[in-house]
N, C-alpha and C. Protein backbone atom coordinates (compact mmCIF):
# COMPACT_ATOMS: atom_id res chain seq x y z
N MET A 1 -20.02 23.46 -18.12
CA MET A 1 -19.84 22.37 -19.06
C MET A 1 -21.21 21.89 -19.51
N GLU A 2 -21.35 21.73 -20.79
CA GLU A 2 -22.61 21.28 -21.36
C GLU A 2 -22.48 19.85 -21.86
N THR A 3 -23.44 19.00 -21.47
CA THR A 3 -23.44 17.61 -21.92
C THR A 3 -23.61 17.58 -23.43
N ARG A 4 -22.82 16.74 -24.08
CA ARG A 4 -22.88 16.63 -25.54
C ARG A 4 -24.04 15.74 -25.97
N LEU A 5 -24.16 14.58 -25.33
CA LEU A 5 -25.28 13.68 -25.58
C LEU A 5 -25.38 12.72 -24.41
N ASN A 6 -26.51 12.06 -24.30
CA ASN A 6 -26.72 11.08 -23.24
C ASN A 6 -26.36 9.71 -23.79
N PRO A 7 -25.20 9.16 -23.40
CA PRO A 7 -24.78 7.88 -23.97
C PRO A 7 -25.71 6.72 -23.60
N LEU A 8 -26.35 6.78 -22.45
CA LEU A 8 -27.31 5.72 -22.09
C LEU A 8 -28.51 5.72 -23.03
N GLU A 9 -28.94 6.89 -23.40
CA GLU A 9 -30.10 7.03 -24.28
C GLU A 9 -29.77 6.61 -25.72
N HIS A 10 -28.62 7.02 -26.19
CA HIS A 10 -28.27 6.79 -27.59
C HIS A 10 -27.44 5.54 -27.83
N GLY A 11 -27.04 4.88 -26.76
CA GLY A 11 -26.22 3.67 -26.89
C GLY A 11 -26.72 2.54 -26.02
N ALA A 12 -28.03 2.34 -26.01
CA ALA A 12 -28.63 1.34 -25.12
C ALA A 12 -28.02 -0.04 -25.30
N GLY A 13 -27.77 -0.45 -26.52
CA GLY A 13 -27.19 -1.77 -26.78
C GLY A 13 -25.78 -1.90 -26.23
N ALA A 14 -24.99 -0.86 -26.40
CA ALA A 14 -23.63 -0.87 -25.87
C ALA A 14 -23.65 -0.97 -24.35
N PHE A 15 -24.52 -0.21 -23.73
CA PHE A 15 -24.58 -0.23 -22.27
C PHE A 15 -25.19 -1.52 -21.74
N LYS A 16 -26.06 -2.13 -22.50
CA LYS A 16 -26.59 -3.45 -22.09
C LYS A 16 -25.43 -4.45 -22.00
N ALA A 17 -24.51 -4.38 -22.95
CA ALA A 17 -23.34 -5.27 -22.92
C ALA A 17 -22.47 -4.95 -21.70
N LEU A 18 -22.25 -3.67 -21.42
CA LEU A 18 -21.45 -3.29 -20.26
C LEU A 18 -22.13 -3.70 -18.95
N PHE A 19 -23.44 -3.59 -18.89
CA PHE A 19 -24.17 -4.01 -17.69
C PHE A 19 -24.01 -5.52 -17.47
N GLY A 20 -23.89 -6.27 -18.55
CA GLY A 20 -23.64 -7.71 -18.44
C GLY A 20 -22.29 -7.99 -17.76
N ILE A 21 -21.31 -7.19 -18.07
CA ILE A 21 -20.01 -7.33 -17.42
C ILE A 21 -20.16 -7.02 -15.93
N GLY A 22 -20.93 -5.99 -15.62
CA GLY A 22 -21.18 -5.65 -14.22
C GLY A 22 -21.85 -6.79 -13.47
N ALA A 23 -22.80 -7.45 -14.11
CA ALA A 23 -23.48 -8.59 -13.48
C ALA A 23 -22.48 -9.71 -13.20
N TYR A 24 -21.59 -9.96 -14.15
CA TYR A 24 -20.54 -10.96 -13.95
C TYR A 24 -19.66 -10.58 -12.76
N LEU A 25 -19.21 -9.33 -12.72
CA LEU A 25 -18.31 -8.88 -11.66
C LEU A 25 -18.98 -8.88 -10.29
N ASN A 26 -20.28 -8.69 -10.26
CA ASN A 26 -21.00 -8.76 -8.97
C ASN A 26 -20.94 -10.15 -8.36
N LYS A 27 -20.66 -11.16 -9.16
CA LYS A 27 -20.55 -12.54 -8.68
C LYS A 27 -19.09 -12.96 -8.48
N SER A 28 -18.17 -12.05 -8.72
CA SER A 28 -16.75 -12.34 -8.58
C SER A 28 -16.40 -12.57 -7.11
N SER A 29 -15.34 -13.32 -6.87
CA SER A 29 -14.87 -13.50 -5.50
C SER A 29 -14.10 -12.26 -5.01
N VAL A 30 -13.84 -11.32 -5.89
CA VAL A 30 -13.26 -10.04 -5.47
C VAL A 30 -14.40 -9.24 -4.83
N GLU A 31 -14.20 -8.84 -3.60
CA GLU A 31 -15.26 -8.19 -2.85
C GLU A 31 -15.70 -6.87 -3.49
N GLN A 32 -17.00 -6.61 -3.44
CA GLN A 32 -17.58 -5.42 -4.07
C GLN A 32 -16.98 -4.12 -3.54
N PRO A 33 -16.76 -3.97 -2.23
CA PRO A 33 -16.12 -2.72 -1.79
C PRO A 33 -14.74 -2.49 -2.41
N LEU A 34 -13.98 -3.55 -2.62
CA LEU A 34 -12.68 -3.40 -3.26
C LEU A 34 -12.86 -3.01 -4.73
N LEU A 35 -13.81 -3.61 -5.40
CA LEU A 35 -14.07 -3.22 -6.79
C LEU A 35 -14.47 -1.75 -6.85
N ASN A 36 -15.33 -1.30 -5.94
CA ASN A 36 -15.72 0.11 -5.94
C ASN A 36 -14.54 1.02 -5.63
N LEU A 37 -13.62 0.57 -4.80
CA LEU A 37 -12.41 1.35 -4.52
C LEU A 37 -11.58 1.50 -5.80
N ILE A 38 -11.49 0.41 -6.56
CA ILE A 38 -10.78 0.45 -7.85
C ILE A 38 -11.50 1.39 -8.82
N TYR A 39 -12.81 1.28 -8.88
CA TYR A 39 -13.59 2.15 -9.77
C TYR A 39 -13.36 3.62 -9.41
N PHE A 40 -13.32 3.90 -8.12
CA PHE A 40 -13.12 5.26 -7.65
C PHE A 40 -11.73 5.76 -8.04
N ARG A 41 -10.70 4.96 -7.79
CA ARG A 41 -9.33 5.39 -8.10
C ARG A 41 -9.11 5.59 -9.59
N VAL A 42 -9.59 4.65 -10.40
CA VAL A 42 -9.43 4.79 -11.85
C VAL A 42 -10.19 6.03 -12.35
N SER A 43 -11.35 6.29 -11.77
CA SER A 43 -12.12 7.48 -12.16
C SER A 43 -11.39 8.76 -11.77
N GLN A 44 -10.63 8.74 -10.67
CA GLN A 44 -9.79 9.89 -10.32
C GLN A 44 -8.74 10.11 -11.40
N ILE A 45 -8.07 9.04 -11.79
CA ILE A 45 -7.03 9.14 -12.82
C ILE A 45 -7.59 9.71 -14.11
N ASN A 46 -8.78 9.27 -14.49
CA ASN A 46 -9.39 9.67 -15.75
C ASN A 46 -10.20 10.96 -15.66
N GLY A 47 -10.39 11.50 -14.46
CA GLY A 47 -11.13 12.74 -14.31
C GLY A 47 -12.60 12.62 -14.64
N CYS A 48 -13.21 11.49 -14.29
CA CYS A 48 -14.62 11.26 -14.61
C CYS A 48 -15.50 11.65 -13.42
N ALA A 49 -16.10 12.83 -13.49
CA ALA A 49 -16.91 13.36 -12.38
C ALA A 49 -18.11 12.46 -12.09
N PHE A 50 -18.78 11.96 -13.12
CA PHE A 50 -19.96 11.13 -12.88
C PHE A 50 -19.58 9.88 -12.08
N CYS A 51 -18.52 9.21 -12.49
CA CYS A 51 -18.12 7.97 -11.81
C CYS A 51 -17.55 8.25 -10.42
N LEU A 52 -16.88 9.39 -10.24
CA LEU A 52 -16.41 9.75 -8.91
C LEU A 52 -17.59 9.95 -7.97
N ASP A 53 -18.61 10.63 -8.44
CA ASP A 53 -19.83 10.84 -7.66
C ASP A 53 -20.46 9.49 -7.32
N MET A 54 -20.62 8.66 -8.32
CA MET A 54 -21.28 7.36 -8.13
C MET A 54 -20.52 6.47 -7.15
N HIS A 55 -19.25 6.28 -7.39
CA HIS A 55 -18.51 5.31 -6.59
C HIS A 55 -18.17 5.83 -5.19
N SER A 56 -18.04 7.13 -5.03
CA SER A 56 -17.87 7.66 -3.67
C SER A 56 -19.13 7.42 -2.86
N LYS A 57 -20.28 7.62 -3.47
CA LYS A 57 -21.55 7.39 -2.77
C LYS A 57 -21.77 5.90 -2.50
N ASP A 58 -21.45 5.06 -3.47
CA ASP A 58 -21.58 3.62 -3.25
C ASP A 58 -20.64 3.15 -2.14
N LEU A 59 -19.41 3.64 -2.15
CA LEU A 59 -18.46 3.27 -1.10
C LEU A 59 -18.95 3.72 0.27
N ARG A 60 -19.45 4.94 0.36
CA ARG A 60 -19.96 5.44 1.65
C ARG A 60 -21.15 4.59 2.10
N ALA A 61 -22.01 4.21 1.17
CA ALA A 61 -23.17 3.37 1.53
C ALA A 61 -22.73 2.00 2.02
N GLU A 62 -21.57 1.52 1.56
CA GLU A 62 -21.03 0.23 1.99
C GLU A 62 -20.26 0.36 3.31
N GLY A 63 -20.15 1.58 3.84
CA GLY A 63 -19.47 1.78 5.11
C GLY A 63 -18.05 2.32 5.02
N GLU A 64 -17.63 2.68 3.82
CA GLU A 64 -16.28 3.24 3.65
C GLU A 64 -16.17 4.55 4.42
N THR A 65 -14.99 4.82 4.97
CA THR A 65 -14.80 6.05 5.75
C THR A 65 -14.39 7.22 4.86
N GLU A 66 -14.71 8.41 5.34
CA GLU A 66 -14.30 9.62 4.64
C GLU A 66 -12.77 9.68 4.55
N GLN A 67 -12.09 9.33 5.63
CA GLN A 67 -10.63 9.39 5.65
C GLN A 67 -10.03 8.58 4.50
N ARG A 68 -10.50 7.35 4.34
CA ARG A 68 -9.93 6.50 3.28
C ARG A 68 -10.27 7.06 1.90
N LEU A 69 -11.46 7.59 1.71
CA LEU A 69 -11.81 8.18 0.42
C LEU A 69 -10.89 9.36 0.10
N TYR A 70 -10.64 10.19 1.10
CA TYR A 70 -9.77 11.34 0.88
C TYR A 70 -8.35 10.91 0.53
N MET A 71 -7.94 9.75 0.99
CA MET A 71 -6.56 9.31 0.84
C MET A 71 -6.32 8.37 -0.35
N VAL A 72 -7.34 8.04 -1.08
CA VAL A 72 -7.18 7.08 -2.19
C VAL A 72 -6.13 7.55 -3.19
N ALA A 73 -6.14 8.81 -3.54
CA ALA A 73 -5.17 9.30 -4.53
C ALA A 73 -3.73 9.18 -4.03
N GLY A 74 -3.55 9.14 -2.72
CA GLY A 74 -2.21 9.01 -2.14
C GLY A 74 -2.03 7.69 -1.41
N TRP A 75 -2.64 6.65 -1.93
CA TRP A 75 -2.67 5.35 -1.23
C TRP A 75 -1.27 4.80 -0.93
N ARG A 76 -0.29 5.11 -1.73
CA ARG A 76 1.05 4.57 -1.50
C ARG A 76 1.65 5.05 -0.18
N GLU A 77 1.29 6.26 0.23
CA GLU A 77 1.83 6.83 1.46
C GLU A 77 0.85 6.72 2.64
N ALA A 78 -0.32 6.16 2.41
CA ALA A 78 -1.35 6.08 3.46
C ALA A 78 -1.29 4.72 4.15
N ILE A 79 -1.44 4.72 5.46
CA ILE A 79 -1.39 3.48 6.23
C ILE A 79 -2.76 2.83 6.41
N VAL A 80 -3.78 3.40 5.80
CA VAL A 80 -5.16 2.94 6.03
C VAL A 80 -5.62 1.88 5.03
N PHE A 81 -4.76 1.44 4.13
CA PHE A 81 -5.13 0.44 3.14
C PHE A 81 -4.40 -0.87 3.41
N THR A 82 -5.09 -1.98 3.20
CA THR A 82 -4.49 -3.30 3.41
C THR A 82 -3.53 -3.62 2.27
N ASP A 83 -2.72 -4.64 2.47
CA ASP A 83 -1.81 -5.08 1.41
C ASP A 83 -2.58 -5.54 0.18
N ARG A 84 -3.71 -6.21 0.40
CA ARG A 84 -4.56 -6.66 -0.73
C ARG A 84 -5.09 -5.44 -1.50
N GLU A 85 -5.57 -4.43 -0.78
CA GLU A 85 -6.06 -3.22 -1.44
C GLU A 85 -4.93 -2.51 -2.19
N ARG A 86 -3.77 -2.45 -1.60
CA ARG A 86 -2.62 -1.82 -2.25
C ARG A 86 -2.25 -2.54 -3.56
N ALA A 87 -2.25 -3.87 -3.50
CA ALA A 87 -1.94 -4.66 -4.70
C ALA A 87 -2.98 -4.40 -5.78
N ALA A 88 -4.25 -4.32 -5.39
CA ALA A 88 -5.32 -4.06 -6.36
C ALA A 88 -5.22 -2.66 -6.93
N LEU A 89 -4.94 -1.68 -6.10
CA LEU A 89 -4.79 -0.31 -6.58
C LEU A 89 -3.61 -0.18 -7.53
N ALA A 90 -2.49 -0.81 -7.19
CA ALA A 90 -1.32 -0.77 -8.07
C ALA A 90 -1.63 -1.42 -9.41
N TRP A 91 -2.33 -2.56 -9.37
CA TRP A 91 -2.71 -3.26 -10.60
C TRP A 91 -3.62 -2.38 -11.45
N ALA A 92 -4.65 -1.82 -10.83
CA ALA A 92 -5.60 -0.99 -11.58
C ALA A 92 -4.93 0.23 -12.19
N GLU A 93 -4.03 0.85 -11.44
CA GLU A 93 -3.31 2.01 -11.99
C GLU A 93 -2.43 1.60 -13.17
N ALA A 94 -1.72 0.48 -13.04
CA ALA A 94 -0.84 0.03 -14.12
C ALA A 94 -1.63 -0.32 -15.38
N VAL A 95 -2.78 -0.98 -15.20
CA VAL A 95 -3.62 -1.34 -16.35
C VAL A 95 -4.21 -0.07 -16.98
N THR A 96 -4.60 0.89 -16.16
CA THR A 96 -5.16 2.14 -16.68
C THR A 96 -4.11 2.95 -17.42
N ASN A 97 -2.91 2.99 -16.87
CA ASN A 97 -1.83 3.79 -17.46
C ASN A 97 -0.90 2.91 -18.30
N VAL A 98 -1.45 2.01 -19.05
CA VAL A 98 -0.69 1.01 -19.79
C VAL A 98 0.30 1.64 -20.78
N THR A 99 0.05 2.86 -21.21
CA THR A 99 0.98 3.51 -22.15
C THR A 99 2.24 4.00 -21.46
N GLU A 100 2.26 3.96 -20.12
CA GLU A 100 3.44 4.40 -19.36
C GLU A 100 4.31 3.21 -18.98
N GLY A 101 4.68 2.41 -19.95
CA GLY A 101 5.59 1.30 -19.69
C GLY A 101 4.92 -0.04 -19.51
N HIS A 102 3.70 -0.16 -19.95
CA HIS A 102 2.95 -1.41 -19.83
C HIS A 102 2.72 -1.75 -18.36
N VAL A 103 2.36 -2.97 -18.06
CA VAL A 103 2.14 -3.38 -16.67
C VAL A 103 3.44 -4.02 -16.17
N PRO A 104 4.09 -3.39 -15.21
CA PRO A 104 5.39 -3.89 -14.75
C PRO A 104 5.30 -5.27 -14.09
N THR A 105 6.34 -6.04 -14.25
CA THR A 105 6.40 -7.38 -13.68
C THR A 105 6.26 -7.37 -12.16
N ASP A 106 6.87 -6.40 -11.50
CA ASP A 106 6.77 -6.36 -10.04
C ASP A 106 5.34 -6.11 -9.57
N VAL A 107 4.57 -5.34 -10.31
CA VAL A 107 3.16 -5.10 -9.98
C VAL A 107 2.37 -6.39 -10.16
N TYR A 108 2.64 -7.10 -11.23
CA TYR A 108 1.99 -8.39 -11.49
C TYR A 108 2.31 -9.39 -10.38
N GLU A 109 3.58 -9.51 -10.04
CA GLU A 109 3.99 -10.48 -9.02
C GLU A 109 3.40 -10.14 -7.66
N GLU A 110 3.32 -8.86 -7.33
CA GLU A 110 2.71 -8.45 -6.06
C GLU A 110 1.21 -8.78 -6.05
N ALA A 111 0.55 -8.53 -7.16
CA ALA A 111 -0.88 -8.83 -7.25
C ALA A 111 -1.16 -10.32 -7.06
N LEU A 112 -0.28 -11.17 -7.61
CA LEU A 112 -0.46 -12.61 -7.48
C LEU A 112 -0.28 -13.12 -6.05
N LYS A 113 0.31 -12.31 -5.19
CA LYS A 113 0.42 -12.68 -3.77
C LYS A 113 -0.93 -12.60 -3.07
N TYR A 114 -1.82 -11.76 -3.57
CA TYR A 114 -3.08 -11.48 -2.88
C TYR A 114 -4.32 -11.90 -3.66
N PHE A 115 -4.16 -12.25 -4.92
CA PHE A 115 -5.29 -12.62 -5.77
C PHE A 115 -4.99 -13.89 -6.53
N THR A 116 -6.03 -14.71 -6.68
CA THR A 116 -5.88 -15.88 -7.54
C THR A 116 -5.76 -15.40 -8.98
N GLU A 117 -5.39 -16.29 -9.86
CA GLU A 117 -5.30 -15.91 -11.27
C GLU A 117 -6.66 -15.49 -11.81
N LYS A 118 -7.72 -16.19 -11.40
CA LYS A 118 -9.07 -15.81 -11.83
C LYS A 118 -9.44 -14.43 -11.29
N GLU A 119 -9.11 -14.19 -10.03
CA GLU A 119 -9.40 -12.87 -9.45
C GLU A 119 -8.62 -11.78 -10.17
N LEU A 120 -7.42 -12.08 -10.58
CA LEU A 120 -6.62 -11.08 -11.30
C LEU A 120 -7.24 -10.78 -12.67
N VAL A 121 -7.80 -11.80 -13.30
CA VAL A 121 -8.54 -11.57 -14.55
C VAL A 121 -9.74 -10.68 -14.25
N ASP A 122 -10.46 -10.98 -13.15
CA ASP A 122 -11.63 -10.17 -12.80
C ASP A 122 -11.24 -8.73 -12.46
N LEU A 123 -10.12 -8.53 -11.77
CA LEU A 123 -9.64 -7.17 -11.49
C LEU A 123 -9.31 -6.42 -12.78
N THR A 124 -8.73 -7.14 -13.72
CA THR A 124 -8.40 -6.53 -15.00
C THR A 124 -9.67 -6.16 -15.75
N LEU A 125 -10.64 -7.05 -15.73
CA LEU A 125 -11.93 -6.76 -16.39
C LEU A 125 -12.60 -5.57 -15.71
N ALA A 126 -12.58 -5.52 -14.39
CA ALA A 126 -13.18 -4.39 -13.66
C ALA A 126 -12.48 -3.09 -14.04
N THR A 127 -11.16 -3.13 -14.11
CA THR A 127 -10.38 -1.94 -14.45
C THR A 127 -10.67 -1.47 -15.87
N THR A 128 -10.68 -2.39 -16.81
CA THR A 128 -10.93 -1.98 -18.20
C THR A 128 -12.37 -1.53 -18.38
N THR A 129 -13.29 -2.10 -17.63
CA THR A 129 -14.69 -1.70 -17.74
C THR A 129 -14.91 -0.29 -17.21
N ILE A 130 -14.34 0.03 -16.03
CA ILE A 130 -14.51 1.39 -15.51
C ILE A 130 -13.80 2.39 -16.42
N ASN A 131 -12.70 2.00 -17.02
CA ASN A 131 -12.05 2.87 -18.00
C ASN A 131 -13.00 3.15 -19.16
N THR A 132 -13.74 2.14 -19.60
CA THR A 132 -14.70 2.33 -20.69
C THR A 132 -15.79 3.31 -20.27
N TYR A 133 -16.39 3.10 -19.09
CA TYR A 133 -17.41 4.03 -18.60
C TYR A 133 -16.84 5.45 -18.49
N ASN A 134 -15.63 5.57 -17.94
CA ASN A 134 -15.00 6.89 -17.81
C ASN A 134 -14.88 7.58 -19.16
N ARG A 135 -14.47 6.84 -20.15
CA ARG A 135 -14.26 7.44 -21.46
C ARG A 135 -15.57 7.88 -22.10
N PHE A 136 -16.63 7.11 -21.93
CA PHE A 136 -17.94 7.55 -22.41
C PHE A 136 -18.34 8.85 -21.71
N ASN A 137 -18.24 8.87 -20.38
CA ASN A 137 -18.69 10.02 -19.62
C ASN A 137 -17.85 11.27 -19.89
N VAL A 138 -16.55 11.10 -20.01
CA VAL A 138 -15.68 12.24 -20.28
C VAL A 138 -15.90 12.74 -21.72
N ALA A 139 -15.98 11.82 -22.67
CA ALA A 139 -16.16 12.21 -24.07
C ALA A 139 -17.46 12.99 -24.30
N PHE A 140 -18.53 12.55 -23.61
CA PHE A 140 -19.83 13.18 -23.83
C PHE A 140 -20.19 14.18 -22.73
N ARG A 141 -19.21 14.44 -21.84
CA ARG A 141 -19.36 15.44 -20.79
C ARG A 141 -20.57 15.20 -19.89
N VAL A 142 -20.70 13.96 -19.44
CA VAL A 142 -21.78 13.61 -18.53
C VAL A 142 -21.41 14.18 -17.16
N PRO A 143 -22.25 15.06 -16.60
CA PRO A 143 -21.88 15.72 -15.34
C PRO A 143 -22.03 14.81 -14.13
N GLY A 144 -21.25 15.09 -13.11
CA GLY A 144 -21.38 14.38 -11.84
C GLY A 144 -22.22 15.17 -10.86
N GLY A 145 -22.73 14.47 -9.85
CA GLY A 145 -23.45 15.16 -8.79
C GLY A 145 -24.89 14.74 -8.60
N THR A 146 -25.42 13.94 -9.52
CA THR A 146 -26.84 13.58 -9.43
C THR A 146 -27.09 12.12 -9.08
N TYR A 147 -26.04 11.33 -8.98
CA TYR A 147 -26.20 9.89 -8.75
C TYR A 147 -26.84 9.61 -7.40
N LYS A 148 -27.76 8.64 -7.38
CA LYS A 148 -28.38 8.14 -6.16
C LYS A 148 -27.92 6.70 -5.96
N VAL A 149 -27.54 6.36 -4.73
CA VAL A 149 -27.06 5.01 -4.42
C VAL A 149 -28.09 3.98 -4.90
N GLY A 150 -27.61 2.98 -5.63
CA GLY A 150 -28.47 1.93 -6.14
C GLY A 150 -29.15 2.25 -7.45
N GLN A 151 -28.89 3.41 -8.00
CA GLN A 151 -29.54 3.85 -9.24
C GLN A 151 -29.38 2.84 -10.38
N PHE A 152 -28.22 2.21 -10.47
CA PHE A 152 -27.97 1.26 -11.54
C PHE A 152 -27.87 -0.16 -11.03
N ALA A 153 -28.52 -0.44 -9.89
CA ALA A 153 -28.44 -1.78 -9.30
C ALA A 153 -28.91 -2.83 -10.28
N LEU A 154 -28.14 -3.92 -10.32
CA LEU A 154 -28.50 -5.03 -11.21
C LEU A 154 -29.47 -5.96 -10.47
N HIS A 155 -30.51 -6.31 -11.13
CA HIS A 155 -31.53 -7.15 -10.52
C HIS A 155 -31.36 -8.59 -10.95
């Protein structure tokens, strides 16, 4: 696979705006490991190799286990995820796959059991933002495998 163009190089202004969203989410009451779990799962759905590389490495650096990473795609049948994580994963999948029947009411109601309304807004923003990154990387064929933990750390 050959990279079509470097979106960071040719879209600095667009990415500056996206980095601003990341800075906001870093201050969210939704814990960063959970956000990275969401980023990882959504990137699996979208087939984004760069983001899978990035978020798997970030999760491992935060102490995530190999077992849980291997099981993220099958989280519904795995006993290693908390109810809060399950609600977040269901929400992120529903928001990502919005063309498959919109976001079901039962998914919304379950998410509200574990997240405040503000946190649910933040989860939605996190989900739509990683979808945006995924689409840039997939569209321009940005390869995975070179990410270093902290490479895009916000200062």
